[in-house]
Amino acid sequence: MDYSLLGSSSSGMSQRAQFLILLLLTGTCLFLLLQMRSSNVSRDNSSFHKGQNSAGEKKKDVVEKKEFGDMYNEWNECMMKSVSKYRNNHTELWGNLWKAVQECEKLPSLATLKILDFSNSDETKRSILPKIQEPSVIVTLGVGHDTAAEEKIQKVLPPGSLFFGADPIQDINEKLYTKLGLYFPFAVGANAGMSQADVLIGNAYTKKTVVHVDLIYFLKNIIKKRCEFFYDDVWIDAEGAEYDLFPFFDNGGELDQNQITFCMFNMEVHNPTDEQKKLFHEFTLRILRDGRYAFFRPVQASHIRLFYVNFDDQRCAKKYIL
């Protein structure tokens, strides 16, 4: 056998194999480059459209924020003008605030604000139904042997809405409120401890020493996991404990410091002394200066009831105002 011929043939085959391998590698590289280019183009297009959508959403948010901002500003200007004459007179503000609130509530820009009444045997709670089908969280501070208003609003709120009620008098209140949600047998105020409160026993209010849990602890540590610090409507009938709660609602106050949001709250301010009228006067002027809450539907007697709406928080505005 001529081994030289065999060697020559093997060498030729080796060169051809190397050429084929090189060709295959070149084709593979070209294919991968084309795929990467296609992927980058798709990603760029996706980013472009995403950017367009984000810009559109931001523009919509700006328009909506301006809309409810204008609504609030018009109300605030009306109120500031109306109460300016009582700026240095707490007694006159207490006796005449209801007139200004009623007058400013007639502004055409507020016509779309659908405030509804939910009555029980001796008073009316106010609320606005959500414009989106998300469950609500309702908190009652002071049940008072009557849950007719809570029962009425529960029927029209989205499914899954949660109710939490606190009242130191367990008799009757526990039985009534546990039909709606969770009941807690203590009073809620600005500070924790034992203190006197006016409570309803039978058909009459009487002073009694009761356990108080502070509002922040109640909201953050007792019912926190169920609502993530976002409360749709809080009904405050604290029989005098409300005065100490006023600073909680200030910009930078206790609620802000603990990232707690109230979209709405009803508050009854009870039978003030002259000093308490001063506290209410200061609270009302701060509310107007802070530019967060508007208040409506006054009921004036020896006490005053008001319904407050948060125009500053965009989540609240989208759910209830726009």
Protein backbone atom coordinates (compact mmCIF):
# COMPACT_ATOMS: atom_id res chain seq x y z
CA MET A 1 0.00 0.00 0.00
CA ASP A 2 1.25 3.49 -0.86
CA TYR A 3 1.08 5.28 2.48
CA SER A 4 2.01 8.57 0.89
CA LEU A 5 -1.21 8.61 -1.12
CA LEU A 6 -3.26 7.77 2.00
CA GLY A 7 -1.60 10.59 3.91
CA SER A 8 -2.32 13.02 1.10
CA SER A 9 -5.99 12.03 1.03
CA SER A 10 -6.36 12.35 4.83
CA SER A 11 -4.82 15.81 4.71
CA GLY A 12 -7.32 16.93 2.07
CA MET A 13 -10.24 15.57 4.05
CA SER A 14 -8.96 17.38 7.17
CA GLN A 15 -8.85 20.70 5.33
CA ARG A 16 -12.39 20.22 4.01
CA ALA A 17 -13.64 19.41 7.51
CA GLN A 18 -11.99 22.50 8.92
CA PHE A 19 -13.60 24.61 6.20
CA LEU A 20 -17.04 23.17 6.95
CA ILE A 21 -16.62 23.76 10.67
CA LEU A 22 -15.54 27.36 10.04
CA LEU A 23 -18.52 27.91 7.75
CA LEU A 24 -20.88 26.49 10.35
CA LEU A 25 -19.47 28.70 13.11
CA THR A 26 -19.71 31.78 10.88
CA GLY A 27 -23.37 31.01 10.09
CA THR A 28 -24.15 30.46 13.76
CA CYS A 29 -22.60 33.78 14.73
CA LEU A 30 -24.55 35.63 12.04
CA PHE A 31 -27.78 33.98 13.21
CA LEU A 32 -27.15 34.98 16.84
CA LEU A 33 -26.32 38.56 15.85
CA LEU A 34 -29.56 38.84 13.88
CA GLN A 35 -31.55 37.45 16.84
CA MET A 36 -29.96 39.91 19.25
CA ARG A 37 -30.71 42.81 16.93
CA SER A 38 -34.33 41.72 16.58
CA SER A 39 -34.66 41.39 20.35
CA ASN A 40 -33.20 44.88 20.92
CA VAL A 41 -35.60 46.43 18.40
CA SER A 42 -38.56 44.74 20.08
CA ARG A 43 -37.35 45.91 23.49
CA ASP A 44 -36.88 49.46 22.23
CA ASN A 45 -40.38 49.46 20.72
CA SER A 46 -41.78 48.07 23.96
CA SER A 47 -39.97 50.75 25.97
CA PHE A 48 -41.21 53.42 23.58
CA HIS A 49 -44.84 52.34 23.93
CA LYS A 50 -44.42 51.91 27.68
CA GLY A 51 -43.02 55.43 27.83
CA GLN A 52 -45.98 56.68 25.83
CA ASN A 53 -48.40 54.94 28.20
CA SER A 54 -46.59 56.29 31.28
CA ALA A 55 -46.67 59.79 29.83
CA GLY A 56 -50.38 59.41 29.11
CA GLU A 57 -51.07 58.14 32.62
CA LYS A 58 -49.04 60.96 34.18
CA LYS A 59 -50.90 63.52 32.09
CA LYS A 60 -54.22 62.02 33.19
CA ASP A 61 -53.11 62.11 36.84
CA VAL A 62 -52.09 65.76 36.51
CA VAL A 63 -55.44 66.68 34.95
CA GLU A 64 -57.36 64.77 37.64
CA LYS A 65 -55.28 66.27 40.45
CA LYS A 66 -55.92 69.75 39.06
CA GLU A 67 -59.63 68.98 38.87
CA PHE A 68 -60.07 68.04 42.51
CA GLY A 69 -57.46 70.63 43.51
CA ASP A 70 -59.55 73.37 41.92
CA MET A 71 -62.66 72.00 43.63
CA TYR A 72 -60.95 72.15 47.01
CA ASN A 73 -59.36 75.55 46.44
CA GLU A 74 -62.69 77.12 45.57
CA TRP A 75 -64.26 75.69 48.73
CA ASN A 76 -61.30 76.74 50.85
CA GLU A 77 -61.39 80.32 49.55
CA CYS A 78 -65.10 80.49 50.28
CA MET A 79 -64.59 79.24 53.84
CA MET A 80 -61.61 81.49 54.52
CA LYS A 81 -63.60 84.50 53.43
CA SER A 82 -66.62 83.48 55.49
CA VAL A 83 -64.80 82.78 58.75
CA SER A 84 -62.27 85.62 58.53
CA LYS A 85 -64.53 87.76 60.70
CA TYR A 86 -64.23 85.14 63.48
CA ARG A 87 -60.47 84.77 63.25
CA ASN A 88 -59.99 86.28 66.71
CA ASN A 89 -63.29 85.26 68.26
CA HIS A 90 -63.65 81.61 69.27
CA THR A 91 -67.15 82.07 70.70
CA GLU A 92 -68.52 83.58 67.49
CA LEU A 93 -66.86 80.89 65.36
CA TRP A 94 -68.48 78.16 67.44
CA GLY A 95 -71.92 79.70 67.06
CA ASN A 96 -71.71 80.64 63.39
CA LEU A 97 -69.45 78.13 61.63
CA TRP A 98 -72.44 76.10 60.46
CA LYS A 99 -73.70 79.04 58.37
CA ALA A 100 -70.42 79.32 56.46
CA VAL A 101 -70.23 75.56 55.90
CA GLN A 102 -73.77 75.42 54.52
CA GLU A 103 -73.17 78.40 52.25
CA CYS A 104 -69.88 77.12 50.80
CA GLU A 105 -71.31 73.66 50.24
CA LYS A 106 -73.61 75.20 47.62
CA LEU A 107 -70.69 75.93 45.26
CA PRO A 108 -71.42 74.53 41.76
CA SER A 109 -68.03 72.79 41.67
CA LEU A 110 -69.12 70.59 44.59
CA ALA A 111 -72.24 69.33 42.84
CA THR A 112 -70.51 66.09 41.86
CA LEU A 113 -69.63 65.31 45.48
CA LYS A 114 -72.36 62.82 46.36
CA ILE A 115 -72.57 62.92 50.16
CA LEU A 116 -75.08 60.39 51.48
CA ASP A 117 -76.88 60.19 54.82
CA PHE A 118 -76.92 57.08 57.01
CA SER A 119 -79.17 57.64 60.00
CA ASN A 120 -79.59 55.86 63.29
CA SER A 121 -82.07 56.61 66.03
CA ASP A 122 -80.69 60.00 67.09
CA GLU A 123 -78.10 61.20 64.56
CA THR A 124 -76.93 60.95 60.96
CA LYS A 125 -73.54 59.79 59.73
CA ARG A 126 -72.30 60.96 56.32
CA SER A 127 -70.25 59.16 53.73
CA ILE A 128 -69.48 59.02 50.01
CA LEU A 129 -69.72 55.71 48.21
CA PRO A 130 -66.58 54.56 46.38
CA LYS A 131 -66.41 55.12 42.64
CA ILE A 132 -64.33 51.96 42.22
CA GLN A 133 -65.27 48.51 43.46
CA GLU A 134 -62.70 48.19 46.23
CA PRO A 135 -63.71 47.15 49.76
CA SER A 136 -63.90 49.91 52.34
CA VAL A 137 -62.75 50.05 55.96
CA ILE A 138 -65.16 51.69 58.40
CA VAL A 139 -64.18 52.41 62.01
CA THR A 140 -66.69 53.40 64.71
CA LEU A 141 -65.27 55.06 67.81
CA GLY A 142 -68.23 55.12 70.19
CA VAL A 143 -70.96 52.67 69.20
CA GLY A 144 -73.61 54.05 71.56
CA HIS A 145 -76.05 51.10 71.54
CA ASP A 146 -77.01 51.79 67.92
CA THR A 147 -75.61 50.38 64.69
CA ALA A 148 -78.46 51.28 62.32
CA ALA A 149 -76.20 53.63 60.32
CA GLU A 150 -73.48 50.98 59.99
CA GLU A 151 -76.03 48.39 58.89
CA LYS A 152 -77.32 50.74 56.19
CA ILE A 153 -73.93 51.61 54.76
CA GLN A 154 -72.81 47.96 54.86
CA LYS A 155 -75.60 47.11 52.40
CA VAL A 156 -74.28 49.52 49.75
CA LEU A 157 -70.50 49.17 50.15
CA PRO A 158 -68.49 46.77 47.96
CA PRO A 159 -68.34 43.14 49.15
CA GLY A 160 -65.53 42.45 51.58
CA SER A 161 -65.75 45.82 53.34
CA LEU A 162 -64.54 45.70 56.94
CA PHE A 163 -66.05 47.17 60.12
CA PHE A 164 -64.28 47.82 63.44
CA GLY A 165 -66.06 49.26 66.45
CA ALA A 166 -64.84 50.32 69.89
CA ASP A 167 -66.93 51.23 72.92
CA PRO A 168 -66.14 50.68 76.62
CA ILE A 169 -69.67 49.56 77.48
CA GLN A 170 -69.80 45.94 76.38
CA ASP A 171 -73.45 45.33 77.17
CA ILE A 172 -75.59 45.69 74.00
CA ASN A 173 -72.73 47.18 71.93
CA GLU A 174 -70.88 43.88 71.53
CA LYS A 175 -74.00 42.02 70.44
CA LEU A 176 -74.89 44.73 67.90
CA TYR A 177 -71.46 45.34 66.40
CA THR A 178 -70.32 41.74 66.06
CA LYS A 179 -73.08 41.30 63.46
CA LEU A 180 -71.10 43.73 61.28
CA GLY A 181 -67.47 43.16 62.15
CA LEU A 182 -65.01 43.21 65.04
CA TYR A 183 -65.90 44.83 68.35
CA PHE A 184 -63.41 46.07 70.98
CA PRO A 185 -64.54 46.70 74.60
CA PHE A 186 -62.59 49.89 75.33
CA ALA A 187 -62.60 53.59 74.56
CA VAL A 188 -60.19 55.11 72.02
CA GLY A 189 -58.57 58.49 72.56
CA ALA A 190 -55.34 60.43 72.31
CA ASN A 191 -53.67 58.60 75.20
CA ALA A 192 -53.77 55.16 76.78
CA GLY A 193 -54.75 54.62 80.40
CA MET A 194 -57.67 54.79 82.78
CA SER A 195 -59.78 57.92 82.61
CA GLN A 196 -63.31 59.16 82.98
CA ALA A 197 -65.64 59.28 80.01
CA ASP A 198 -69.30 60.02 79.38
CA VAL A 199 -70.78 56.67 78.43
CA LEU A 200 -74.27 55.51 77.57
CA ILE A 201 -75.67 53.18 80.21
CA GLY A 202 -79.29 52.29 79.68
CA ASN A 203 -80.91 55.42 78.26
CA ALA A 204 -78.69 58.01 79.92
CA TYR A 205 -75.09 59.19 79.75
CA THR A 206 -73.08 58.98 82.93
CA LYS A 207 -69.43 59.49 83.88
CA LYS A 208 -67.49 56.30 84.35
CA THR A 209 -63.83 55.35 84.64
CA VAL A 210 -62.96 53.28 81.57
CA VAL A 211 -59.93 51.88 79.81
CA HIS A 212 -58.63 54.02 76.93
CA VAL A 213 -56.41 52.77 74.12
CA ASP A 214 -54.59 55.45 72.16
CA LEU A 215 -55.77 55.97 68.59
CA ILE A 216 -52.43 55.28 66.90
CA TYR A 217 -51.90 52.01 68.75
CA PHE A 218 -55.45 50.94 67.94
CA LEU A 219 -55.08 51.65 64.23
CA LYS A 220 -51.51 50.42 63.77
CA ASN A 221 -51.20 47.51 66.17
CA ILE A 222 -54.68 46.11 66.68
CA ILE A 223 -56.32 46.32 63.25
CA LYS A 224 -53.24 47.11 61.12
CA LYS A 225 -53.06 43.86 59.10
CA ARG A 226 -56.54 44.27 57.77
CA CYS A 227 -56.28 47.67 56.13
CA GLU A 228 -52.62 48.75 55.77
CA PHE A 229 -53.21 52.07 57.58
CA PHE A 230 -55.76 53.25 54.97
CA TYR A 231 -59.18 54.01 56.46
CA ASP A 232 -62.12 54.99 54.29
CA ASP A 233 -64.42 56.50 56.91
CA VAL A 234 -63.95 56.89 60.67
CA TRP A 235 -66.97 57.78 62.79
CA ILE A 236 -65.79 59.62 65.92
CA ASP A 237 -68.28 60.04 68.76
CA ALA A 238 -65.83 60.04 71.64
CA GLU A 239 -67.96 61.93 74.19
CA GLY A 240 -65.38 64.65 74.90
CA ALA A 241 -62.17 62.76 74.03
CA GLU A 242 -62.24 64.34 70.57
CA TYR A 243 -60.62 67.58 71.79
CA ASP A 244 -57.33 65.83 72.49
CA LEU A 245 -57.48 64.23 69.04
CA PHE A 246 -57.54 67.55 67.14
CA PRO A 247 -53.73 67.78 66.66
CA PHE A 248 -53.67 64.27 65.17
CA PHE A 249 -55.23 65.66 61.98
CA ASP A 250 -52.69 68.45 61.45
CA ASN A 251 -50.21 68.31 58.60
CA GLY A 252 -47.26 66.55 60.22
CA GLY A 253 -49.45 65.37 63.12
CA GLU A 254 -49.72 61.92 64.64
CA LEU A 255 -51.56 60.44 61.66
CA ASP A 256 -48.91 61.69 59.22
CA GLN A 257 -46.06 60.58 61.44
CA ASN A 258 -47.46 57.05 61.39
CA GLN A 259 -48.40 56.99 57.69
CA ILE A 260 -52.11 56.66 58.51
CA THR A 261 -54.67 57.99 56.03
CA PHE A 262 -58.31 58.87 56.69
CA CYS A 263 -60.27 59.47 53.48
CA MET A 264 -63.29 60.67 55.45
CA PHE A 265 -64.30 61.09 59.05
CA ASN A 266 -67.41 62.14 60.94
CA MET A 267 -66.76 63.96 64.19
CA GLU A 268 -69.11 65.09 66.92
CA VAL A 269 -67.68 67.85 69.11
CA HIS A 270 -69.46 67.83 72.46
CA ASN A 271 -70.69 70.56 74.83
CA PRO A 272 -67.56 72.72 74.91
CA THR A 273 -66.31 74.82 77.77
CA ASP A 274 -64.87 78.18 76.82
CA GLU A 275 -61.39 76.64 76.71
CA GLN A 276 -62.64 73.84 74.45
CA LYS A 277 -64.22 76.39 72.13
CA LYS A 278 -60.74 77.89 71.77
CA LEU A 279 -59.36 74.45 70.90
CA PHE A 280 -62.07 73.97 68.28
CA HIS A 281 -61.42 77.46 66.89
CA GLU A 282 -57.69 76.73 66.50
CA PHE A 283 -58.38 73.29 65.02
CA THR A 284 -60.78 74.69 62.42
CA LEU A 285 -58.37 77.40 61.29
CA ARG A 286 -55.53 74.88 61.06
CA ILE A 287 -57.67 72.56 58.94
CA LEU A 288 -58.32 75.44 56.53
CA ARG A 289 -54.66 76.49 56.43
CA ASP A 290 -53.36 72.93 55.96
CA GLY A 291 -55.41 72.45 52.79
CA ARG A 292 -56.16 68.76 53.24
CA TYR A 293 -59.69 68.31 54.57
CA ALA A 294 -62.90 70.02 53.56
CA PHE A 295 -65.87 69.73 55.90
CA PHE A 296 -69.58 69.62 55.21
CA ARG A 297 -73.10 68.95 56.56
CA PRO A 298 -72.98 70.76 59.89
CA VAL A 299 -75.43 69.96 62.67
CA GLN A 300 -75.33 72.62 65.38
CA ALA A 301 -76.80 72.41 68.87
CA SER A 302 -74.95 72.27 72.19
CA HIS A 303 -72.54 70.17 70.11
CA ILE A 304 -71.55 70.32 66.46
CA ARG A 305 -71.26 67.46 63.98
CA LEU A 306 -69.20 67.77 60.82
CA PHE A 307 -68.24 65.47 57.94
CA TYR A 308 -64.62 65.81 56.75
CA VAL A 309 -63.29 64.72 53.33
CA ASN A 310 -59.61 64.30 52.45
CA PHE A 311 -58.86 66.12 49.16
CA ASP A 312 -55.08 65.90 49.53
CA ASP A 313 -54.49 62.14 49.28
CA GLN A 314 -54.67 61.02 45.65
CA ARG A 315 -55.86 57.53 46.56
CA CYS A 316 -58.81 59.03 48.43
CA ALA A 317 -59.53 61.48 45.60
CA LYS A 318 -59.60 58.72 42.97
CA LYS A 319 -61.79 56.50 45.09
CA TYR A 320 -64.29 59.10 46.25
CA ILE A 321 -64.04 62.49 44.52
CA LEU A 322 -63.09 62.23 40.83
